[in-house]
Amino acid sequence: MSKLRHLVFALSMPAVLWGCGPEDLPSEMPVPTAATVAEEAPAMLDSQAQELAATAEYTWSQSSSGSTALGATAGRACFLTRVGGDFEGGGERVDIFESGGSWYLGGASSQSGINGASRCVSVAGYSAQYEWTQASSYPVYMGSATNRVCYLTGLAGKLNGGGEWVHAYVSGGDWYLSGNTNQTTLKARARCITVDSYTDESTWSQGASATLLGAVTNRSCALTYVKGKFEGGGEYVRTYQSNGYWYLGGSSGQVSVAGRSRCF
């Protein structure tokens, strides 16, 4: 039964460790031409006082021997830039977690091709981690949308089509984490950070060219929404950098794969 919920508040859940390095992941994506960049570039955050440049990208896949260390938690927060693979149930997950004063990217799989990537950014502060599950009666309330941006930090469960999605979103001046599923064991996690400003949400869906998000300089772009049928290594969504610009894109040999992101 679908668990879609759109009520306006709910209790957040404390973070717990879902479970648990590095290897290169496929990264080829169609990149828009220079003319397309000039036509489609969204308004830049020229007035933003913070310089939220992201670190290099860290990767994890199920063939890794352990979780990938992302560095210290002090003054830094990390966000998902890629989720992919065969999400068939509760045994499949990708998530960012903290342990012993450091951030880590890890996951698990009883299937094939599960992978993820993340970047980190220097921040003034970050929230506790929030969790939504398909058993949740309401969207999870994550606090004010003023000078705070929220993004996905974890995904687990079965993604079998357009009926499965997770989303960190703004409604009525507040942030919420929610999802929908016709399957089993779907879960999502998110975290919020303090920022001067952030962009509107951008969207990509399979069959479309990568979505231009704007210049890389002093900006970071994180995943806020994942949807579709993830059956293997051919399915993924991601934010990535190319030729000085951020893009949102992905790949799919299945159906309804889509992603959304915000930059800050």
C-alpha atoms as a PDB file:
ATOM      1  CA  MET A   1       0.000   0.000   0.000  1.00  0.00           C
ATOM      2  CA  SER A   2       1.244   3.491  -0.853  1.00  0.00           C
ATOM      3  CA  LYS A   3       2.604   5.425   2.089  1.00  0.00           C
ATOM      4  CA  LEU A   4       2.556   8.921   0.539  1.00  0.00           C
ATOM      5  CA  ARG A   5       1.985  11.533   3.208  1.00  0.00           C
ATOM      6  CA  HIS A   6       1.555  15.316   2.911  1.00  0.00           C
ATOM      7  CA  LEU A   7       0.653  16.490   6.414  1.00  0.00           C
ATOM      8  CA  VAL A   8       2.634  19.360   7.846  1.00  0.00           C
ATOM      9  CA  PHE A   9       4.533  18.027  10.810  1.00  0.00           C
ATOM     10  CA  ALA A  10       5.981  14.909  12.327  1.00  0.00           C
ATOM     11  CA  LEU A  11       8.525  13.751  14.858  1.00  0.00           C
ATOM     12  CA  SER A  12      12.110  13.388  13.667  1.00  0.00           C
ATOM     13  CA  MET A  13      14.051  10.234  14.477  1.00  0.00           C
ATOM     14  CA  PRO A  14      17.592  10.208  15.841  1.00  0.00           C
ATOM     15  CA  ALA A  15      20.432   8.929  13.722  1.00  0.00           C
ATOM     16  CA  VAL A  16      21.595   5.349  14.059  1.00  0.00           C
ATOM     17  CA  LEU A  17      24.200   3.512  12.030  1.00  0.00           C
ATOM     18  CA  TRP A  18      22.752   1.566   9.076  1.00  0.00           C
ATOM     19  CA  GLY A  19      25.853  -0.494   8.752  1.00  0.00           C
ATOM     20  CA  CYS A  20      29.098   0.076   6.068  1.00  0.00           C
ATOM     21  CA  GLY A  21      35.797   2.108   0.709  1.00  0.00           C
ATOM     22  CA  PRO A  22      36.689   3.664  -2.191  1.00  0.00           C
ATOM     23  CA  GLU A  23      36.747   2.863  -5.920  1.00  0.00           C
ATOM     24  CA  ASP A  24      36.144   4.720  -9.159  1.00  0.00           C
ATOM     25  CA  LEU A  25      32.586   4.712 -10.474  1.00  0.00           C
ATOM     26  CA  PRO A  26      31.366   5.178 -14.064  1.00  0.00           C
ATOM     27  CA  SER A  27      31.138   8.907 -14.633  1.00  0.00           C
ATOM     28  CA  GLU A  28      30.457   9.559 -18.326  1.00  0.00           C
ATOM     29  CA  MET A  29      27.443  11.798 -18.883  1.00  0.00           C
ATOM     30  CA  PRO A  30      26.331  13.849 -21.912  1.00  0.00           C
ATOM     31  CA  VAL A  31      27.513  17.404 -21.254  1.00  0.00           C
ATOM     32  CA  PRO A  32      25.582  20.340 -22.776  1.00  0.00           C
ATOM     33  CA  THR A  33      27.370  22.517 -25.308  1.00  0.00           C
ATOM     34  CA  ALA A  34      28.735  25.955 -24.471  1.00  0.00           C
ATOM     35  CA  ALA A  35      25.695  27.487 -26.167  1.00  0.00           C
ATOM     36  CA  THR A  36      23.383  25.448 -23.978  1.00  0.00           C
ATOM     37  CA  VAL A  37      25.303  26.575 -20.895  1.00  0.00           C
ATOM     38  CA  ALA A  38      24.837  30.207 -21.862  1.00  0.00           C
ATOM     39  CA  GLU A  39      21.097  29.737 -22.464  1.00  0.00           C
ATOM     40  CA  GLU A  40      20.207  27.545 -19.502  1.00  0.00           C
ATOM     41  CA  ALA A  41      22.466  28.635 -16.639  1.00  0.00           C
ATOM     42  CA  PRO A  42      20.314  29.493 -13.593  1.00  0.00           C
ATOM     43  CA  ALA A  43      20.800  32.703 -11.651  1.00  0.00           C
ATOM     44  CA  MET A  44      24.077  32.607  -9.765  1.00  0.00           C
ATOM     45  CA  LEU A  45      24.418  33.226  -6.031  1.00  0.00           C
ATOM     46  CA  ASP A  46      26.699  36.245  -6.502  1.00  0.00           C
ATOM     47  CA  SER A  47      25.544  37.821  -3.252  1.00  0.00           C
ATOM     48  CA  GLN A  48      26.228  34.739  -1.162  1.00  0.00           C
ATOM     49  CA  ALA A  49      28.735  35.597   1.551  1.00  0.00           C
ATOM     50  CA  GLN A  50      29.746  32.041   2.336  1.00  0.00           C
ATOM     51  CA  GLU A  51      32.161  30.244   0.038  1.00  0.00           C
ATOM     52  CA  LEU A  52      30.696  26.753   0.039  1.00  0.00           C
ATOM     53  CA  ALA A  53      33.147  25.058  -2.286  1.00  0.00           C
ATOM     54  CA  ALA A  54      32.882  21.273  -2.169  1.00  0.00           C
ATOM     55  CA  THR A  55      35.724  18.849  -1.607  1.00  0.00           C
ATOM     56  CA  ALA A  56      36.812  16.285  -4.152  1.00  0.00           C
ATOM     57  CA  GLU A  57      34.290  13.467  -4.602  1.00  0.00           C
ATOM     58  CA  TYR A  58      34.547  10.333  -2.469  1.00  0.00           C
ATOM     59  CA  THR A  59      33.128   7.035  -3.712  1.00  0.00           C
ATOM     60  CA  TRP A  60      31.952   3.727  -2.265  1.00  0.00           C
ATOM     61  CA  SER A  61      30.694   0.530  -3.902  1.00  0.00           C
ATOM     62  CA  GLN A  62      29.622  -2.854  -2.596  1.00  0.00           C
ATOM     63  CA  SER A  63      32.907  -4.356  -3.768  1.00  0.00           C
ATOM     64  CA  SER A  64      34.774  -2.074  -1.342  1.00  0.00           C
ATOM     65  CA  SER A  65      36.377  -3.699   1.683  1.00  0.00           C
ATOM     66  CA  GLY A  66      34.920  -1.131   4.082  1.00  0.00           C
ATOM     67  CA  SER A  67      33.394   2.304   4.373  1.00  0.00           C
ATOM     68  CA  THR A  68      35.103   5.350   2.840  1.00  0.00           C
ATOM     69  CA  ALA A  69      36.548   7.931   5.253  1.00  0.00           C
ATOM     70  CA  LEU A  70      35.416  11.470   4.408  1.00  0.00           C
ATOM     71  CA  GLY A  71      37.332  13.435   7.047  1.00  0.00           C
ATOM     72  CA  ALA A  72      36.568  15.147  10.335  1.00  0.00           C
ATOM     73  CA  THR A  73      33.055  16.171  11.347  1.00  0.00           C
ATOM     74  CA  ALA A  74      34.202  19.399  13.056  1.00  0.00           C
ATOM     75  CA  GLY A  75      33.113  22.374  10.940  1.00  0.00           C
ATOM     76  CA  ARG A  76      32.250  20.115   8.000  1.00  0.00           C
ATOM     77  CA  ALA A  77      29.175  18.334   6.645  1.00  0.00           C
ATOM     78  CA  CYS A  78      28.906  15.778   3.837  1.00  0.00           C
ATOM     79  CA  PHE A  79      26.135  15.156   1.304  1.00  0.00           C
ATOM     80  CA  LEU A  80      25.249  12.488  -1.253  1.00  0.00           C
ATOM     81  CA  THR A  81      26.163  13.223  -4.863  1.00  0.00           C
ATOM     82  CA  ARG A  82      25.392   9.775  -6.297  1.00  0.00           C
ATOM     83  CA  VAL A  83      23.135   6.763  -5.630  1.00  0.00           C
ATOM     84  CA  GLY A  84      23.033   3.719  -7.906  1.00  0.00           C
ATOM     85  CA  GLY A  85      22.646  -0.029  -8.211  1.00  0.00           C
ATOM     86  CA  ASP A  86      20.114  -2.796  -7.651  1.00  0.00           C
ATOM     87  CA  PHE A  87      17.884  -1.684  -4.775  1.00  0.00           C
ATOM     88  CA  GLU A  88      15.774  -4.767  -4.089  1.00  0.00           C
ATOM     89  CA  GLY A  89      14.952  -4.500  -0.390  1.00  0.00           C
ATOM     90  CA  GLY A  90      16.133  -3.911   3.142  1.00  0.00           C
ATOM     91  CA  GLY A  91      19.548  -5.388   2.413  1.00  0.00           C
ATOM     92  CA  GLU A  92      20.457  -2.555   0.040  1.00  0.00           C
ATOM     93  CA  ARG A  93      21.548   0.840   1.281  1.00  0.00           C
ATOM     94  CA  VAL A  94      23.932   3.755   0.754  1.00  0.00           C
ATOM     95  CA  ASP A  95      24.484   6.294   3.512  1.00  0.00           C
ATOM     96  CA  ILE A  96      26.738   8.908   5.104  1.00  0.00           C
ATOM     97  CA  PHE A  97      27.325   8.496   8.825  1.00  0.00           C
ATOM     98  CA  GLU A  98      29.557   9.836  11.583  1.00  0.00           C
ATOM     99  CA  SER A  99      31.724   7.773  13.921  1.00  0.00           C
ATOM    100  CA  GLY A 100      34.520   8.780  16.261  1.00  0.00           C
ATOM    101  CA  GLY A 101      34.568  12.402  15.092  1.00  0.00           C
ATOM    102  CA  SER A 102      34.781  11.541  11.385  1.00  0.00           C
ATOM    103  CA  TRP A 103      32.363  11.239   8.458  1.00  0.00           C
ATOM    104  CA  TYR A 104      32.096   8.007   6.455  1.00  0.00           C
ATOM    105  CA  LEU A 105      30.337   6.866   3.277  1.00  0.00           C
ATOM    106  CA  GLY A 106      29.201   3.246   3.266  1.00  0.00           C
ATOM    107  CA  GLY A 107      26.452   0.829   2.431  1.00  0.00           C
ATOM    108  CA  ALA A 108      25.450  -2.794   1.994  1.00  0.00           C
ATOM    109  CA  SER A 109      23.934  -5.065  -0.639  1.00  0.00           C
ATOM    110  CA  SER A 110      22.624  -8.569  -1.195  1.00  0.00           C
ATOM    111  CA  GLN A 111      22.296  -7.723  -4.898  1.00  0.00           C
ATOM    112  CA  SER A 112      24.683  -6.105  -7.393  1.00  0.00           C
ATOM    113  CA  GLY A 113      26.068  -2.738  -8.338  1.00  0.00           C
ATOM    114  CA  ILE A 114      25.127  -0.752  -5.220  1.00  0.00           C
ATOM    115  CA  ASN A 115      27.264   2.386  -5.154  1.00  0.00           C
ATOM    116  CA  GLY A 116      27.345   5.924  -3.867  1.00  0.00           C
ATOM    117  CA  ALA A 117      29.402   9.095  -3.849  1.00  0.00           C
ATOM    118  CA  SER A 118      29.626  12.177  -1.670  1.00  0.00           C
ATOM    119  CA  ARG A 119      31.372  15.488  -1.181  1.00  0.00           C
ATOM    120  CA  CYS A 120      31.866  17.608   1.927  1.00  0.00           C
ATOM    121  CA  VAL A 121      31.738  21.330   2.639  1.00  0.00           C
ATOM    122  CA  SER A 122      32.833  23.636   5.459  1.00  0.00           C
ATOM    123  CA  VAL A 123      29.794  24.845   7.414  1.00  0.00           C
ATOM    124  CA  ALA A 124      28.905  26.920  10.467  1.00  0.00           C
ATOM    125  CA  GLY A 125      26.620  24.193  11.782  1.00  0.00           C
ATOM    126  CA  TYR A 126      24.608  21.101  10.885  1.00  0.00           C
ATOM    127  CA  SER A 127      21.581  19.312  12.277  1.00  0.00           C
ATOM    128  CA  ALA A 128      21.084  15.844  13.653  1.00  0.00           C
ATOM    129  CA  GLN A 129      20.262  13.255  11.005  1.00  0.00           C
ATOM    130  CA  TYR A 130      16.565  12.717  10.251  1.00  0.00           C
ATOM    131  CA  GLU A 131      14.989   9.472   9.081  1.00  0.00           C
ATOM    132  CA  TRP A 132      11.798   8.658   7.185  1.00  0.00           C
ATOM    133  CA  THR A 133      10.519   5.108   6.650  1.00  0.00           C
ATOM    134  CA  GLN A 134       7.499   3.807   4.794  1.00  0.00           C
ATOM    135  CA  ALA A 135       5.972   2.982   8.176  1.00  0.00           C
ATOM    136  CA  SER A 136       6.010   6.684   9.081  1.00  0.00           C
ATOM    137  CA  SER A 137       2.543   8.174   9.444  1.00  0.00           C
ATOM    138  CA  TYR A 138       3.635  11.664   8.391  1.00  0.00           C
ATOM    139  CA  PRO A 139       6.490  13.460   6.659  1.00  0.00           C
ATOM    140  CA  VAL A 140       9.384  14.056   9.050  1.00  0.00           C
ATOM    141  CA  TYR A 141       9.679  17.684  10.139  1.00  0.00           C
ATOM    142  CA  MET A 142      13.253  19.005   9.795  1.00  0.00           C
ATOM    143  CA  GLY A 143      12.876  22.635  10.896  1.00  0.00           C
ATOM    144  CA  SER A 144      12.820  26.087   9.369  1.00  0.00           C
ATOM    145  CA  ALA A 145      13.744  26.682   5.743  1.00  0.00           C
ATOM    146  CA  THR A 146      15.241  30.087   6.611  1.00  0.00           C
ATOM    147  CA  ASN A 147      19.021  30.028   6.137  1.00  0.00           C
ATOM    148  CA  ARG A 148      18.964  26.218   6.214  1.00  0.00           C
ATOM    149  CA  VAL A 149      19.195  23.738   3.357  1.00  0.00           C
ATOM    150  CA  CYS A 150      18.496  20.003   3.729  1.00  0.00           C
ATOM    151  CA  TYR A 151      19.673  17.147   1.514  1.00  0.00           C
ATOM    152  CA  LEU A 152      19.688  13.359   1.357  1.00  0.00           C
ATOM    153  CA  THR A 153      22.319  11.461   3.327  1.00  0.00           C
ATOM    154  CA  GLY A 154      20.987   7.915   3.028  1.00  0.00           C
ATOM    155  CA  LEU A 155      18.717   5.626   0.996  1.00  0.00           C
ATOM    156  CA  ALA A 156      17.701   2.017   1.591  1.00  0.00           C
ATOM    157  CA  GLY A 157      15.056  -0.464   0.446  1.00  0.00           C
ATOM    158  CA  LYS A 158      13.294  -1.459  -2.761  1.00  0.00           C
ATOM    159  CA  LEU A 159      13.117   0.948  -5.705  1.00  0.00           C
ATOM    160  CA  ASN A 160      10.938  -0.703  -8.327  1.00  0.00           C
ATOM    161  CA  GLY A 161       9.439   2.085 -10.415  1.00  0.00           C
ATOM    162  CA  GLY A 162       7.712   5.436 -10.510  1.00  0.00           C
ATOM    163  CA  GLY A 163       5.827   4.621  -7.319  1.00  0.00           C
ATOM    164  CA  GLU A 164       9.036   4.669  -5.270  1.00  0.00           C
ATOM    165  CA  TRP A 165      10.642   7.952  -4.316  1.00  0.00           C
ATOM    166  CA  VAL A 166      12.199   9.815  -1.386  1.00  0.00           C
ATOM    167  CA  HIS A 167      12.353  13.604  -1.043  1.00  0.00           C
ATOM    168  CA  ALA A 168      13.759  16.362   1.180  1.00  0.00           C
ATOM    169  CA  TYR A 169      11.568  19.368   0.392  1.00  0.00           C
ATOM    170  CA  VAL A 170      10.280  22.764   1.538  1.00  0.00           C
ATOM    171  CA  SER A 171       6.623  23.385   2.392  1.00  0.00           C
ATOM    172  CA  GLY A 172       5.140  26.377   4.197  1.00  0.00           C
ATOM    173  CA  GLY A 173       8.546  27.738   5.164  1.00  0.00           C
ATOM    174  CA  ASP A 174       9.786  24.490   6.706  1.00  0.00           C
ATOM    175  CA  TRP A 175      11.789  21.458   5.612  1.00  0.00           C
ATOM    176  CA  TYR A 176      10.327  17.937   5.511  1.00  0.00           C
ATOM    177  CA  LEU A 177      11.560  14.466   4.591  1.00  0.00           C
ATOM    178  CA  SER A 178       9.083  12.061   3.033  1.00  0.00           C
ATOM    179  CA  GLY A 179       8.624   9.359   0.418  1.00  0.00           C
ATOM    180  CA  ASN A 180       6.275   6.961  -1.302  1.00  0.00           C
ATOM    181  CA  THR A 181       6.390   3.255  -2.059  1.00  0.00           C
ATOM    182  CA  ASN A 182       4.341   0.346  -3.349  1.00  0.00           C
ATOM    183  CA  GLN A 183       7.119  -2.009  -2.253  1.00  0.00           C
ATOM    184  CA  THR A 184       8.863  -2.785   1.055  1.00  0.00           C
ATOM    185  CA  THR A 185      11.484  -1.430   3.450  1.00  0.00           C
ATOM    186  CA  LEU A 186      12.011   1.966   1.803  1.00  0.00           C
ATOM    187  CA  LYS A 187      13.934   4.402   4.026  1.00  0.00           C
ATOM    188  CA  ALA A 188      15.589   7.787   3.593  1.00  0.00           C
ATOM    189  CA  ARG A 189      17.832   9.957   5.716  1.00  0.00           C
ATOM    190  CA  ALA A 190      18.646  13.657   5.511  1.00  0.00           C
ATOM    191  CA  ARG A 191      20.603  16.369   7.270  1.00  0.00           C
ATOM    192  CA  CYS A 192      20.377  20.175   7.253  1.00  0.00           C
ATOM    193  CA  ILE A 193      23.128  22.811   7.301  1.00  0.00           C
ATOM    194  CA  THR A 194      23.239  26.556   7.933  1.00  0.00           C
ATOM    195  CA  VAL A 195      23.664  28.609   4.732  1.00  0.00           C
ATOM    196  CA  ASP A 196      23.151  32.168   3.530  1.00  0.00           C
ATOM    197  CA  SER A 197      20.958  31.030   0.627  1.00  0.00           C
ATOM    198  CA  TYR A 198      20.179  28.133  -1.686  1.00  0.00           C
ATOM    199  CA  THR A 199      18.678  27.621  -5.143  1.00  0.00           C
ATOM    200  CA  ASP A 200      15.303  26.338  -6.234  1.00  0.00           C
ATOM    201  CA  GLU A 201      15.147  22.600  -6.837  1.00  0.00           C
ATOM    202  CA  SER A 202      16.359  21.349 -10.239  1.00  0.00           C
ATOM    203  CA  THR A 203      15.120  18.136 -11.862  1.00  0.00           C
ATOM    204  CA  TRP A 204      16.485  15.424 -14.168  1.00  0.00           C
ATOM    205  CA  SER A 205      14.664  12.358 -15.499  1.00  0.00           C
ATOM    206  CA  GLN A 206      15.843   9.485 -17.664  1.00  0.00           C
ATOM    207  CA  GLY A 207      15.983  10.186 -21.367  1.00  0.00           C
ATOM    208  CA  ALA A 208      16.832  13.849 -20.788  1.00  0.00           C
ATOM    209  CA  SER A 209      20.210  15.546 -21.100  1.00  0.00           C
ATOM    210  CA  ALA A 210      22.036  16.470 -17.924  1.00  0.00           C
ATOM    211  CA  THR A 211      20.542  19.498 -16.171  1.00  0.00           C
ATOM    212  CA  LEU A 212      22.848  22.496 -15.803  1.00  0.00           C
ATOM    213  CA  LEU A 213      23.028  23.719 -12.184  1.00  0.00           C
ATOM    214  CA  GLY A 214      25.456  26.626 -12.537  1.00  0.00           C
ATOM    215  CA  ALA A 215      29.132  27.391 -11.970  1.00  0.00           C
ATOM    216  CA  VAL A 216      31.261  25.322  -9.608  1.00  0.00           C
ATOM    217  CA  THR A 217      32.987  28.281  -7.936  1.00  0.00           C
ATOM    218  CA  ASN A 218      32.056  28.553  -4.254  1.00  0.00           C
ATOM    219  CA  ARG A 219      28.934  26.403  -4.716  1.00  0.00           C
ATOM    220  CA  SER A 220      27.923  22.868  -3.788  1.00  0.00           C
ATOM    221  CA  CYS A 221      25.030  20.809  -5.177  1.00  0.00           C
ATOM    222  CA  ALA A 222      23.410  17.908  -3.318  1.00  0.00           C
ATOM    223  CA  LEU A 223      20.724  15.325  -4.085  1.00  0.00           C
ATOM    224  CA  THR A 224      17.281  16.025  -2.598  1.00  0.00           C
ATOM    225  CA  TYR A 225      15.115  13.466  -4.460  1.00  0.00           C
ATOM    226  CA  VAL A 226      15.551   9.981  -5.943  1.00  0.00           C
ATOM    227  CA  LYS A 227      12.885   8.033  -7.849  1.00  0.00           C
ATOM    228  CA  GLY A 228      12.448   5.039 -10.119  1.00  0.00           C
ATOM    229  CA  LYS A 229      13.370   1.452 -10.839  1.00  0.00           C
ATOM    230  CA  PHE A 230      16.935   0.680  -9.774  1.00  0.00           C
ATOM    231  CA  GLU A 231      17.822  -2.788 -11.079  1.00  0.00           C
ATOM    232  CA  GLY A 232      21.621  -2.707 -11.315  1.00  0.00           C
ATOM    233  CA  GLY A 233      24.770  -0.766 -12.083  1.00  0.00           C
ATOM    234  CA  GLY A 234      23.064   0.858 -15.068  1.00  0.00           C
ATOM    235  CA  GLU A 235      20.751   2.866 -12.806  1.00  0.00           C
ATOM    236  CA  TYR A 236      22.006   5.905 -10.943  1.00  0.00           C
ATOM    237  CA  VAL A 237      21.353   9.608 -10.303  1.00  0.00           C
ATOM    238  CA  ARG A 238      24.044  12.109  -9.399  1.00  0.00           C
ATOM    239  CA  THR A 239      25.257  15.684  -9.201  1.00  0.00           C
ATOM    240  CA  TYR A 240      28.692  16.182 -10.731  1.00  0.00           C
ATOM    241  CA  GLN A 241      31.200  18.756 -11.950  1.00  0.00           C
ATOM    242  CA  SER A 242      32.362  19.181 -15.551  1.00  0.00           C
ATOM    243  CA  ASN A 243      34.277  22.033 -17.214  1.00  0.00           C
ATOM    244  CA  GLY A 244      33.666  24.414 -14.329  1.00  0.00           C
ATOM    245  CA  TYR A 245      29.940  23.725 -13.973  1.00  0.00           C
ATOM    246  CA  TRP A 246      27.667  21.606 -11.796  1.00  0.00           C
ATOM    247  CA  TYR A 247      25.217  19.217 -13.464  1.00  0.00           C
ATOM    248  CA  LEU A 248      22.426  16.876 -12.363  1.00  0.00           C
ATOM    249  CA  GLY A 249      22.091  13.678 -14.368  1.00  0.00           C
ATOM    250  CA  GLY A 250      21.928   9.914 -14.329  1.00  0.00           C
ATOM    251  CA  SER A 251      21.415   6.759 -16.325  1.00  0.00           C
ATOM    252  CA  SER A 252      18.818   4.024 -16.602  1.00  0.00           C
ATOM    253  CA  GLY A 253      18.045   0.855 -18.541  1.00  0.00           C
ATOM    254  CA  GLN A 254      14.775   0.592 -16.611  1.00  0.00           C
ATOM    255  CA  VAL A 255      11.882   3.024 -16.048  1.00  0.00           C
ATOM    256  CA  SER A 256      11.040   6.255 -14.211  1.00  0.00           C
ATOM    257  CA  VAL A 257      14.531   6.966 -12.853  1.00  0.00           C
ATOM    258  CA  ALA A 258      14.775  10.621 -11.818  1.00  0.00           C
ATOM    259  CA  GLY A 259      16.583  12.916  -9.414  1.00  0.00           C
ATOM    260  CA  ARG A 260      16.436  16.439  -8.005  1.00  0.00           C
ATOM    261  CA  SER A 261      19.003  18.688  -6.357  1.00  0.00           C
ATOM    262  CA  ARG A 262      19.643  22.061  -4.803  1.00  0.00           C
ATOM    263  CA  CYS A 263      22.821  24.144  -4.770  1.00  0.00           C
ATOM    264  CA  PHE A 264      24.054  26.304  -1.888  1.00  0.00           C
END
